[in-house]
Amino acid sequence: MKITENMLLNDILDMDPDPTEIFLRHGLNCLGCPGAQSENLREAAEGHGISLTKLMDDLNEFLGEK
């Protein structure tokens, strides 16, 4: 499954393999964050000043490699 900007953070974090390390590498500590239940990837990236394109690329690469 390809990661899109409209996916909720919790939905991405529930994927296998666990992509938590990618979020942490980008400065997103989403585990346990209440916003992860209602915030999509685009909103999280914008709210934390992170490149959405780079984050999506890294997530998709990680999930495709495993």
Protein backbone atom coordinates (compact mmCIF):
# COMPACT_ATOMS: atom_id res chain seq x y z
CA MET A 1 0.00 0.00 0.00
CA LYS A 2 1.36 3.41 -0.95
CA ILE A 3 1.40 6.16 1.68
CA THR A 4 -0.57 9.28 0.74
CA GLU A 5 -0.76 12.70 2.36
CA ASN A 6 -4.38 12.14 3.38
CA MET A 7 -3.71 9.02 5.46
CA LEU A 8 -4.20 9.31 9.22
CA LEU A 9 -1.03 8.96 11.26
CA ASN A 10 -2.45 6.09 13.33
CA ASP A 11 -3.31 4.16 10.15
CA ILE A 12 0.29 4.50 8.98
CA LEU A 13 1.71 3.59 12.39
CA ASP A 14 -0.42 0.42 12.41
CA MET A 15 1.20 -0.82 9.20
CA ASP A 16 3.57 -3.74 9.12
CA PRO A 17 6.48 -3.31 9.31
CA ASP A 18 6.25 -0.58 11.91
CA PRO A 19 7.37 2.74 10.35
CA THR A 20 7.89 4.51 13.70
CA GLU A 21 11.63 4.92 13.08
CA ILE A 22 10.88 6.96 9.93
CA PHE A 23 8.61 9.31 11.86
CA LEU A 24 11.24 9.73 14.57
CA ARG A 25 13.96 10.39 11.99
CA HIS A 26 11.84 13.28 10.68
CA GLY A 27 11.20 14.70 14.15
CA LEU A 28 7.67 13.36 14.57
CA ASN A 29 7.07 11.62 17.88
CA CYS A 30 3.59 10.41 16.93
CA LEU A 31 3.32 7.37 19.17
CA GLY A 32 0.83 8.17 21.90
CA CYS A 33 0.13 11.64 20.54
CA PRO A 34 -3.61 12.43 20.64
CA GLY A 35 -3.29 14.19 17.28
CA ALA A 36 -2.26 10.93 15.60
CA GLN A 37 -5.87 9.75 15.76
CA SER A 38 -7.27 12.65 13.78
CA GLU A 39 -4.33 14.24 11.97
CA ASN A 40 -3.31 13.20 8.48
CA LEU A 41 0.25 13.08 7.21
CA ARG A 42 0.01 16.44 5.44
CA GLU A 43 -1.28 18.19 8.56
CA ALA A 44 1.46 16.65 10.71
CA ALA A 45 4.20 17.65 8.28
CA GLU A 46 2.90 21.22 7.98
CA GLY A 47 2.43 21.53 11.74
CA HIS A 48 6.00 20.46 12.41
CA GLY A 49 7.69 22.22 9.49
CA ILE A 50 8.68 18.95 7.83
CA SER A 51 8.96 18.27 4.10
CA LEU A 52 5.86 16.25 3.24
CA THR A 53 7.41 14.98 0.01
CA LYS A 54 10.56 13.71 1.74
CA LEU A 55 8.55 12.12 4.55
CA MET A 56 6.23 10.31 2.12
CA ASP A 57 9.19 9.20 -0.01
CA ASP A 58 11.00 7.80 3.04
CA LEU A 59 7.88 6.04 4.33
CA ASN A 60 7.07 4.49 0.97
CA GLU A 61 10.67 3.42 0.45
CA PHE A 62 10.78 1.85 3.92
CA LEU A 63 7.50 -0.01 3.49
CA GLY A 64 8.49 -1.15 0.04
CA GLU A 65 11.86 -2.47 1.20
CA LYS A 66 10.60 -4.58 4.08
